[in-house]
């Protein structure tokens, strides 16, 4: 009888951490979902996508290709029509990744921030921030690429 009780006790001890871990995972998934819902509610997807097509327009302009306002509108429409749904899906899929990578406390802090007035304001300003940073990043890459290119070619050629 003592052996049976010991076996039952051991089994319970081994399953409790797994149950607690499953419970913690479920909580993290729920909080991650709340975070994603909060960020997606205030996301301006068109502004987010604009960050992708504006550099294309600028690159064309820099290479001497002048686009008409109608062509620019068509490019904008193409990007929006093509990318809105897939990008939304990718963002919605981040729930599992966030629950895997972050603690419950971290997820709760993110959720709480993005549910606050300040968090919503930050989220609404992120596309503009990225859009304004894009030219700086492009300029930096233009300046540094010539320095990196010879070494990159050496690496690729195995020298």
N, C-alpha and C. Protein backbone atom coordinates (compact mmCIF):
# COMPACT_ATOMS: atom_id res chain seq x y z
N UNK A 1 0.82 -1.19 0.00
CA UNK A 1 0.00 0.00 0.00
C UNK A 1 0.87 1.26 0.00
N UNK A 2 1.95 1.22 0.78
CA UNK A 2 2.84 2.36 0.84
C UNK A 2 3.46 2.64 -0.52
N UNK A 3 3.79 1.56 -1.23
CA UNK A 3 4.37 1.73 -2.57
C UNK A 3 3.37 2.37 -3.53
N UNK A 4 2.13 1.97 -3.42
CA UNK A 4 1.09 2.53 -4.29
C UNK A 4 0.93 4.02 -4.00
N UNK A 5 0.86 4.39 -2.73
CA UNK A 5 0.74 5.81 -2.37
C UNK A 5 1.97 6.60 -2.83
N UNK A 6 3.13 6.01 -2.68
CA UNK A 6 4.36 6.68 -3.13
C UNK A 6 4.33 6.88 -4.64
N UNK A 7 3.87 5.88 -5.37
CA UNK A 7 3.79 5.98 -6.83
C UNK A 7 2.79 7.05 -7.25
N UNK A 8 1.63 7.08 -6.57
CA UNK A 8 0.62 8.08 -6.88
C UNK A 8 1.15 9.48 -6.57
N UNK A 9 1.80 9.61 -5.41
CA UNK A 9 2.37 10.90 -5.01
C UNK A 9 3.42 11.36 -6.03
N UNK A 10 4.29 10.45 -6.44
CA UNK A 10 5.32 10.77 -7.43
C UNK A 10 4.69 11.19 -8.75
N UNK A 11 3.68 10.47 -9.17
CA UNK A 11 3.00 10.81 -10.43
C UNK A 11 2.37 12.20 -10.34
N UNK A 12 1.75 12.50 -9.21
CA UNK A 12 1.15 13.82 -9.03
C UNK A 12 2.21 14.92 -9.05
N UNK A 13 3.32 14.66 -8.39
CA UNK A 13 4.40 15.65 -8.36
C UNK A 13 4.95 15.92 -9.75
N UNK A 14 5.01 14.89 -10.56
CA UNK A 14 5.54 15.04 -11.91
C UNK A 14 4.56 15.73 -12.84
N UNK A 15 3.27 15.54 -12.61
CA UNK A 15 2.28 16.14 -13.51
C UNK A 15 1.93 17.57 -13.13
N UNK A 16 2.08 17.95 -11.87
CA UNK A 16 1.73 19.30 -11.46
C UNK A 16 2.55 20.37 -12.18
N UNK A 17 3.88 20.22 -12.30
CA UNK A 17 4.62 21.24 -13.05
C UNK A 17 4.16 21.33 -14.50
N UNK A 18 3.86 20.21 -15.11
CA UNK A 18 3.39 20.24 -16.50
C UNK A 18 2.06 20.95 -16.60
N UNK A 19 1.18 20.70 -15.63
CA UNK A 19 -0.12 21.37 -15.62
C UNK A 19 0.06 22.87 -15.40
N UNK A 20 0.95 23.23 -14.48
CA UNK A 20 1.22 24.65 -14.24
C UNK A 20 1.82 25.30 -15.49
N UNK A 21 2.70 24.56 -16.16
CA UNK A 21 3.32 25.08 -17.38
C UNK A 21 2.27 25.28 -18.46
N UNK A 22 1.36 24.31 -18.61
CA UNK A 22 0.28 24.44 -19.59
C UNK A 22 -0.61 25.63 -19.25
N UNK A 23 -0.89 25.81 -17.96
CA UNK A 23 -1.72 26.92 -17.52
C UNK A 23 -1.02 28.25 -17.83
N UNK A 24 0.29 28.31 -17.55
CA UNK A 24 1.05 29.51 -17.83
C UNK A 24 1.07 29.79 -19.33
N UNK A 25 1.22 28.75 -20.14
CA UNK A 25 1.21 28.91 -21.60
C UNK A 25 -0.14 29.44 -22.06
N UNK A 26 -1.21 28.91 -21.50
CA UNK A 26 -2.55 29.37 -21.86
C UNK A 26 -2.73 30.84 -21.48
N UNK A 27 -2.22 31.21 -20.30
CA UNK A 27 -2.31 32.61 -19.88
C UNK A 27 -1.50 33.51 -20.80
N UNK A 28 -0.28 33.07 -21.14
CA UNK A 28 0.56 33.86 -22.03
C UNK A 28 -0.10 34.02 -23.40
N UNK A 29 -0.70 32.96 -23.91
CA UNK A 29 -1.40 33.04 -25.19
C UNK A 29 -2.55 34.04 -25.12
N UNK A 30 -3.29 33.99 -24.03
CA UNK A 30 -4.44 34.89 -23.88
C UNK A 30 -3.99 36.35 -23.81
N UNK A 31 -2.94 36.61 -23.04
CA UNK A 31 -2.45 37.99 -22.91
C UNK A 31 -1.82 38.45 -24.22
N UNK A 32 -1.10 37.56 -24.89
CA UNK A 32 -0.52 37.91 -26.20
C UNK A 32 -1.63 38.25 -27.19
N UNK A 33 -2.72 37.51 -27.15
CA UNK A 33 -3.85 37.79 -28.04
C UNK A 33 -4.44 39.17 -27.73
N UNK A 34 -4.55 39.50 -26.44
CA UNK A 34 -5.07 40.81 -26.06
C UNK A 34 -4.14 41.92 -26.56
N UNK A 35 -2.83 41.69 -26.46
CA UNK A 35 -1.86 42.67 -26.97
C UNK A 35 -2.03 42.86 -28.47
N UNK A 36 -2.08 41.76 -29.21
CA UNK A 36 -2.22 41.84 -30.67
C UNK A 36 -3.52 42.54 -31.03
N UNK A 37 -4.60 42.19 -30.35
CA UNK A 37 -5.88 42.85 -30.62
C UNK A 37 -5.77 44.36 -30.40
N UNK A 38 -5.10 44.76 -29.32
CA UNK A 38 -4.96 46.18 -29.02
C UNK A 38 -4.13 46.89 -30.08
N UNK A 39 -3.03 46.28 -30.49
CA UNK A 39 -2.18 46.94 -31.48
C UNK A 39 -2.83 46.96 -32.85
N UNK A 40 -3.54 45.92 -33.19
CA UNK A 40 -4.19 45.87 -34.50
C UNK A 40 -5.36 46.85 -34.58
N UNK A 41 -6.01 47.11 -33.45
CA UNK A 41 -7.16 48.02 -33.45
C UNK A 41 -6.74 49.44 -33.84
N UNK A 42 -5.54 49.83 -33.46
CA UNK A 42 -5.08 51.19 -33.74
C UNK A 42 -4.10 51.27 -34.91
N UNK A 43 -3.83 50.14 -35.54
CA UNK A 43 -2.86 50.15 -36.63
C UNK A 43 -3.49 50.69 -37.91
N UNK A 44 -2.78 51.60 -38.52
CA UNK A 44 -3.17 52.13 -39.82
C UNK A 44 -2.40 51.32 -40.86
N UNK A 45 -3.02 50.26 -41.35
CA UNK A 45 -2.33 49.33 -42.25
C UNK A 45 -1.89 50.03 -43.53
N UNK A 46 -2.69 50.95 -44.04
CA UNK A 46 -2.31 51.67 -45.26
C UNK A 46 -1.04 52.49 -45.02
N UNK A 47 -0.92 53.10 -43.86
CA UNK A 47 0.29 53.87 -43.54
C UNK A 47 1.49 52.93 -43.37
N UNK A 48 1.24 51.77 -42.79
CA UNK A 48 2.30 50.77 -42.62
C UNK A 48 2.80 50.31 -43.99
N UNK A 49 1.88 50.03 -44.88
CA UNK A 49 2.23 49.56 -46.23
C UNK A 49 2.89 50.68 -47.04
N UNK A 50 2.51 51.91 -46.76
CA UNK A 50 3.10 53.05 -47.47
C UNK A 50 4.61 53.08 -47.28
N UNK A 51 5.07 52.63 -46.11
CA UNK A 51 6.50 52.56 -45.85
C UNK A 51 7.22 51.65 -46.85
N UNK A 52 6.48 50.75 -47.45
CA UNK A 52 7.06 49.80 -48.39
C UNK A 52 7.09 50.33 -49.82
N UNK A 53 6.07 51.07 -50.21
CA UNK A 53 6.04 51.52 -51.60
C UNK A 53 6.68 52.88 -51.82
N UNK A 54 6.72 53.72 -50.81
CA UNK A 54 7.36 55.03 -50.97
C UNK A 54 8.83 54.89 -51.37
N UNK A 55 9.61 54.00 -50.74
CA UNK A 55 11.00 53.84 -51.18
C UNK A 55 11.13 53.38 -52.64
N UNK A 56 10.17 52.61 -53.11
CA UNK A 56 10.18 52.18 -54.52
C UNK A 56 10.01 53.39 -55.42
N UNK A 57 9.09 54.26 -55.07
CA UNK A 57 8.85 55.49 -55.83
C UNK A 57 10.11 56.36 -55.81
N UNK A 58 10.70 56.50 -54.62
CA UNK A 58 11.90 57.32 -54.49
C UNK A 58 13.06 56.74 -55.30
N UNK A 59 13.19 55.43 -55.29
CA UNK A 59 14.25 54.78 -56.05
C UNK A 59 14.07 55.02 -57.55
N UNK A 60 12.84 54.92 -58.01
CA UNK A 60 12.55 55.18 -59.42
C UNK A 60 12.87 56.63 -59.77
N UNK A 61 12.47 57.53 -58.88
CA UNK A 61 12.73 58.96 -59.09
C UNK A 61 14.24 59.22 -59.15
N UNK A 62 15.00 58.59 -58.23
CA UNK A 62 16.45 58.76 -58.20
C UNK A 62 17.13 58.21 -59.45
N UNK A 63 16.52 57.20 -60.06
CA UNK A 63 17.11 56.62 -61.27
C UNK A 63 16.63 57.33 -62.55
N UNK A 64 15.89 58.42 -62.38
CA UNK A 64 15.48 59.22 -63.52
C UNK A 64 14.10 58.89 -64.07
N UNK A 65 13.40 57.97 -63.46
CA UNK A 65 12.06 57.59 -63.92
C UNK A 65 11.04 58.48 -63.22
N UNK A 66 10.40 59.34 -63.99
CA UNK A 66 9.36 60.20 -63.43
C UNK A 66 8.01 59.51 -63.58
N UNK A 67 7.33 59.36 -62.47
CA UNK A 67 6.02 58.73 -62.47
C UNK A 67 4.94 59.79 -62.38
N UNK A 68 3.86 59.56 -63.09
CA UNK A 68 2.73 60.47 -63.02
C UNK A 68 1.97 60.22 -61.72
N UNK A 69 1.18 61.19 -61.28
CA UNK A 69 0.34 60.98 -60.09
C UNK A 69 -0.55 59.74 -60.24
N UNK A 70 -1.03 59.49 -61.44
CA UNK A 70 -1.87 58.31 -61.68
C UNK A 70 -1.07 57.02 -61.47
N UNK A 71 0.16 56.99 -61.94
CA UNK A 71 1.00 55.80 -61.75
C UNK A 71 1.29 55.58 -60.27
N UNK A 72 1.55 56.65 -59.56
CA UNK A 72 1.82 56.54 -58.12
C UNK A 72 0.58 56.00 -57.41
N UNK A 73 -0.58 56.48 -57.77
CA UNK A 73 -1.83 55.98 -57.19
C UNK A 73 -2.01 54.50 -57.51
N UNK A 74 -1.69 54.10 -58.73
CA UNK A 74 -1.80 52.69 -59.11
C UNK A 74 -0.84 51.82 -58.31
N UNK A 75 0.38 52.32 -58.07
CA UNK A 75 1.35 51.58 -57.27
C UNK A 75 0.85 51.46 -55.84
N UNK A 76 0.35 52.54 -55.30
CA UNK A 76 -0.21 52.52 -53.94
C UNK A 76 -1.34 51.49 -53.85
N UNK A 77 -2.24 51.51 -54.81
CA UNK A 77 -3.36 50.57 -54.83
C UNK A 77 -2.87 49.13 -54.93
N UNK A 78 -1.88 48.91 -55.80
CA UNK A 78 -1.31 47.57 -55.95
C UNK A 78 -0.76 47.06 -54.62
N UNK A 79 0.04 47.87 -53.96
CA UNK A 79 0.63 47.47 -52.67
C UNK A 79 -0.46 47.22 -51.63
N UNK A 80 -1.42 48.14 -51.53
CA UNK A 80 -2.49 47.97 -50.54
C UNK A 80 -3.32 46.72 -50.81
N UNK A 81 -3.71 46.54 -52.07
CA UNK A 81 -4.54 45.38 -52.42
C UNK A 81 -3.79 44.07 -52.22
N UNK A 82 -2.50 44.07 -52.50
CA UNK A 82 -1.72 42.85 -52.44
C UNK A 82 -1.26 42.52 -51.02
N UNK A 83 -0.95 43.52 -50.22
CA UNK A 83 -0.29 43.27 -48.93
C UNK A 83 -1.18 43.38 -47.70
N UNK A 84 -2.32 44.04 -47.79
CA UNK A 84 -3.12 44.25 -46.58
C UNK A 84 -3.49 42.95 -45.89
N UNK A 85 -4.08 42.03 -46.62
CA UNK A 85 -4.50 40.77 -46.00
C UNK A 85 -3.33 39.92 -45.51
N UNK A 86 -2.30 39.69 -46.34
CA UNK A 86 -1.19 38.87 -45.84
C UNK A 86 -0.46 39.49 -44.65
N UNK A 87 -0.27 40.80 -44.65
CA UNK A 87 0.39 41.44 -43.51
C UNK A 87 -0.46 41.35 -42.25
N UNK A 88 -1.75 41.52 -42.41
CA UNK A 88 -2.65 41.38 -41.27
C UNK A 88 -2.55 39.96 -40.71
N UNK A 89 -2.54 38.98 -41.57
CA UNK A 89 -2.42 37.58 -41.13
C UNK A 89 -1.10 37.33 -40.41
N UNK A 90 -0.01 37.87 -40.94
CA UNK A 90 1.30 37.70 -40.29
C UNK A 90 1.27 38.31 -38.90
N UNK A 91 0.71 39.48 -38.78
CA UNK A 91 0.66 40.15 -37.48
C UNK A 91 -0.22 39.39 -36.49
N UNK A 92 -1.30 38.83 -36.99
CA UNK A 92 -2.17 38.05 -36.11
C UNK A 92 -1.49 36.76 -35.67
N UNK A 93 -0.57 36.24 -36.46
CA UNK A 93 0.14 35.00 -36.12
C UNK A 93 1.22 35.21 -35.07
N UNK A 94 1.51 36.44 -34.72
CA UNK A 94 2.57 36.68 -33.75
C UNK A 94 2.17 36.27 -32.33
N UNK A 95 0.92 35.94 -32.11
CA UNK A 95 0.46 35.55 -30.78
C UNK A 95 1.27 34.37 -30.26
N UNK A 96 1.38 33.30 -31.04
CA UNK A 96 2.12 32.11 -30.61
C UNK A 96 3.59 32.43 -30.36
N UNK A 97 4.19 33.21 -31.23
CA UNK A 97 5.60 33.56 -31.07
C UNK A 97 5.82 34.37 -29.79
N UNK A 98 4.96 35.32 -29.56
CA UNK A 98 5.10 36.15 -28.37
C UNK A 98 4.94 35.32 -27.11
N UNK A 99 3.96 34.42 -27.11
CA UNK A 99 3.73 33.58 -25.93
C UNK A 99 4.92 32.65 -25.69
N UNK A 100 5.58 32.26 -26.75
CA UNK A 100 6.75 31.39 -26.63
C UNK A 100 7.97 32.16 -26.11
N UNK A 101 8.15 33.38 -26.58
CA UNK A 101 9.38 34.13 -26.29
C UNK A 101 9.32 35.00 -25.05
N UNK A 102 8.13 35.39 -24.63
CA UNK A 102 8.01 36.36 -23.54
C UNK A 102 7.36 35.75 -22.31
N UNK A 103 7.70 36.34 -21.18
CA UNK A 103 7.07 35.90 -19.94
C UNK A 103 5.68 36.51 -19.83
N UNK A 104 4.90 35.98 -18.93
CA UNK A 104 3.56 36.51 -18.68
C UNK A 104 3.65 37.98 -18.24
N UNK A 105 4.65 38.29 -17.42
CA UNK A 105 4.81 39.66 -16.94
C UNK A 105 5.13 40.61 -18.10
N UNK A 106 6.01 40.19 -19.00
CA UNK A 106 6.36 41.02 -20.15
C UNK A 106 5.15 41.24 -21.06
N UNK A 107 4.44 40.18 -21.31
CA UNK A 107 3.25 40.28 -22.16
C UNK A 107 2.19 41.18 -21.52
N UNK A 108 2.02 41.03 -20.22
CA UNK A 108 1.04 41.87 -19.51
C UNK A 108 1.43 43.34 -19.59
N UNK A 109 2.72 43.62 -19.44
CA UNK A 109 3.18 45.01 -19.51
C UNK A 109 2.94 45.59 -20.91
N UNK A 110 3.23 44.80 -21.94
CA UNK A 110 2.98 45.25 -23.32
C UNK A 110 1.49 45.51 -23.54
N UNK A 111 0.68 44.55 -23.14
CA UNK A 111 -0.77 44.68 -23.32
C UNK A 111 -1.28 45.92 -22.61
N UNK A 112 -0.86 46.08 -21.36
CA UNK A 112 -1.33 47.22 -20.58
C UNK A 112 -0.91 48.54 -21.21
N UNK A 113 0.33 48.59 -21.69
CA UNK A 113 0.81 49.82 -22.33
C UNK A 113 -0.01 50.13 -23.58
N UNK A 114 -0.18 49.15 -24.46
CA UNK A 114 -0.89 49.42 -25.71
C UNK A 114 -2.39 49.59 -25.53
N UNK A 115 -2.90 49.23 -24.37
CA UNK A 115 -4.31 49.52 -24.07
C UNK A 115 -4.47 50.88 -23.41
N UNK A 116 -3.35 51.51 -23.05
CA UNK A 116 -3.42 52.84 -22.43
C UNK A 116 -3.51 53.91 -23.52
N UNK A 117 -3.88 55.10 -23.10
CA UNK A 117 -3.97 56.22 -24.04
C UNK A 117 -2.61 56.49 -24.69
N UNK A 118 -1.56 56.47 -23.87
CA UNK A 118 -0.21 56.69 -24.42
C UNK A 118 0.18 55.59 -25.39
N UNK A 119 -0.13 54.36 -25.06
CA UNK A 119 0.21 53.24 -25.93
C UNK A 119 -0.50 53.32 -27.27
N UNK A 120 -1.77 53.68 -27.24
CA UNK A 120 -2.51 53.83 -28.50
C UNK A 120 -1.92 54.97 -29.34
N UNK A 121 -1.55 56.06 -28.67
CA UNK A 121 -0.95 57.19 -29.39
C UNK A 121 0.39 56.78 -30.01
N UNK A 122 1.19 56.02 -29.28
CA UNK A 122 2.47 55.53 -29.81
C UNK A 122 2.22 54.65 -31.03
N UNK A 123 1.28 53.74 -30.93
CA UNK A 123 1.01 52.82 -32.04
C UNK A 123 0.57 53.58 -33.29
N UNK A 124 -0.20 54.61 -33.10
CA UNK A 124 -0.67 55.39 -34.25
C UNK A 124 0.46 56.19 -34.90
N UNK A 125 1.50 56.50 -34.12
CA UNK A 125 2.61 57.29 -34.65
C UNK A 125 3.73 56.43 -35.24
N UNK A 126 3.71 55.13 -35.00
CA UNK A 126 4.81 54.27 -35.47
C UNK A 126 4.99 54.29 -36.98
N UNK A 127 3.93 54.23 -37.79
CA UNK A 127 4.17 54.29 -39.24
C UNK A 127 4.85 55.58 -39.68
N UNK A 128 4.48 56.70 -39.06
CA UNK A 128 5.10 57.98 -39.40
C UNK A 128 6.57 57.98 -38.98
N UNK A 129 6.85 57.44 -37.81
CA UNK A 129 8.23 57.34 -37.34
C UNK A 129 9.06 56.51 -38.32
N UNK A 130 8.54 55.36 -38.69
CA UNK A 130 9.26 54.50 -39.63
C UNK A 130 9.44 55.17 -40.99
N UNK A 131 8.40 55.84 -41.44
CA UNK A 131 8.46 56.52 -42.73
C UNK A 131 9.53 57.62 -42.72
N UNK A 132 9.63 58.33 -41.62
CA UNK A 132 10.63 59.40 -41.53
C UNK A 132 12.04 58.85 -41.36
N UNK A 133 12.15 57.67 -40.76
CA UNK A 133 13.46 57.05 -40.59
C UNK A 133 13.96 56.43 -41.89
N UNK A 134 13.06 56.01 -42.74
CA UNK A 134 13.42 55.30 -43.96
C UNK A 134 14.45 56.04 -44.80
N UNK A 135 14.27 57.35 -45.06
CA UNK A 135 15.29 58.05 -45.84
C UNK A 135 16.66 58.07 -45.15
N UNK A 136 16.67 58.17 -43.83
CA UNK A 136 17.94 58.15 -43.09
C UNK A 136 18.63 56.81 -43.25
N UNK A 137 17.87 55.75 -43.16
CA UNK A 137 18.43 54.40 -43.32
C UNK A 137 18.92 54.21 -44.74
N UNK A 138 18.13 54.65 -45.72
CA UNK A 138 18.53 54.52 -47.12
C UNK A 138 19.82 55.30 -47.38
N UNK A 139 19.92 56.50 -46.85
CA UNK A 139 21.14 57.31 -47.02
C UNK A 139 22.34 56.63 -46.38
N UNK A 140 22.15 56.11 -45.19
CA UNK A 140 23.23 55.41 -44.50
C UNK A 140 23.69 54.21 -45.33
N UNK A 141 22.75 53.44 -45.86
CA UNK A 141 23.10 52.28 -46.69
C UNK A 141 23.81 52.70 -47.97
N UNK A 142 23.36 53.79 -48.58
CA UNK A 142 24.02 54.30 -49.80
C UNK A 142 25.48 54.67 -49.50
N UNK A 143 25.70 55.26 -48.33
CA UNK A 143 27.05 55.69 -47.97
C UNK A 143 27.96 54.53 -47.57
N UNK A 144 27.41 53.55 -46.90
CA UNK A 144 28.23 52.47 -46.35
C UNK A 144 28.39 51.28 -47.30
N UNK A 145 27.45 51.09 -48.21
CA UNK A 145 27.51 49.94 -49.12
C UNK A 145 28.79 49.92 -49.95
N UNK A 146 29.25 51.03 -50.51
CA UNK A 146 30.51 50.97 -51.27
C UNK A 146 31.70 50.50 -50.43
N UNK A 147 31.69 50.79 -49.15
CA UNK A 147 32.76 50.33 -48.26
C UNK A 147 32.64 48.83 -47.99
N UNK A 148 31.43 48.35 -47.90
CA UNK A 148 31.18 46.95 -47.57
C UNK A 148 31.28 46.03 -48.78
N UNK A 149 30.95 46.54 -49.95
CA UNK A 149 30.84 45.71 -51.15
C UNK A 149 32.11 44.93 -51.48
N UNK A 150 33.30 45.54 -51.45
CA UNK A 150 34.50 44.75 -51.76
C UNK A 150 34.70 43.58 -50.78
N UNK A 151 34.49 43.83 -49.51
CA UNK A 151 34.64 42.76 -48.51
C UNK A 151 33.57 41.70 -48.70
N UNK A 152 32.36 42.11 -49.01
CA UNK A 152 31.27 41.17 -49.27
C UNK A 152 31.61 40.28 -50.45
N UNK A 153 32.15 40.87 -51.51
CA UNK A 153 32.55 40.09 -52.68
C UNK A 153 33.66 39.11 -52.34
N UNK A 154 34.61 39.53 -51.48
CA UNK A 154 35.68 38.62 -51.04
C UNK A 154 35.10 37.43 -50.29
N UNK A 155 34.16 37.71 -49.40
CA UNK A 155 33.54 36.64 -48.61
C UNK A 155 32.83 35.66 -49.52
N UNK A 156 32.07 36.18 -50.47
CA UNK A 156 31.30 35.32 -51.37
C UNK A 156 32.21 34.50 -52.27
N UNK A 157 33.29 35.10 -52.74
CA UNK A 157 34.19 34.38 -53.64
C UNK A 157 35.11 33.42 -52.90
N UNK A 158 35.11 33.49 -51.57
CA UNK A 158 35.91 32.55 -50.78
C UNK A 158 37.35 32.98 -50.61
N UNK A 159 37.66 34.22 -50.86
CA UNK A 159 39.04 34.71 -50.74
C UNK A 159 39.42 34.94 -49.30
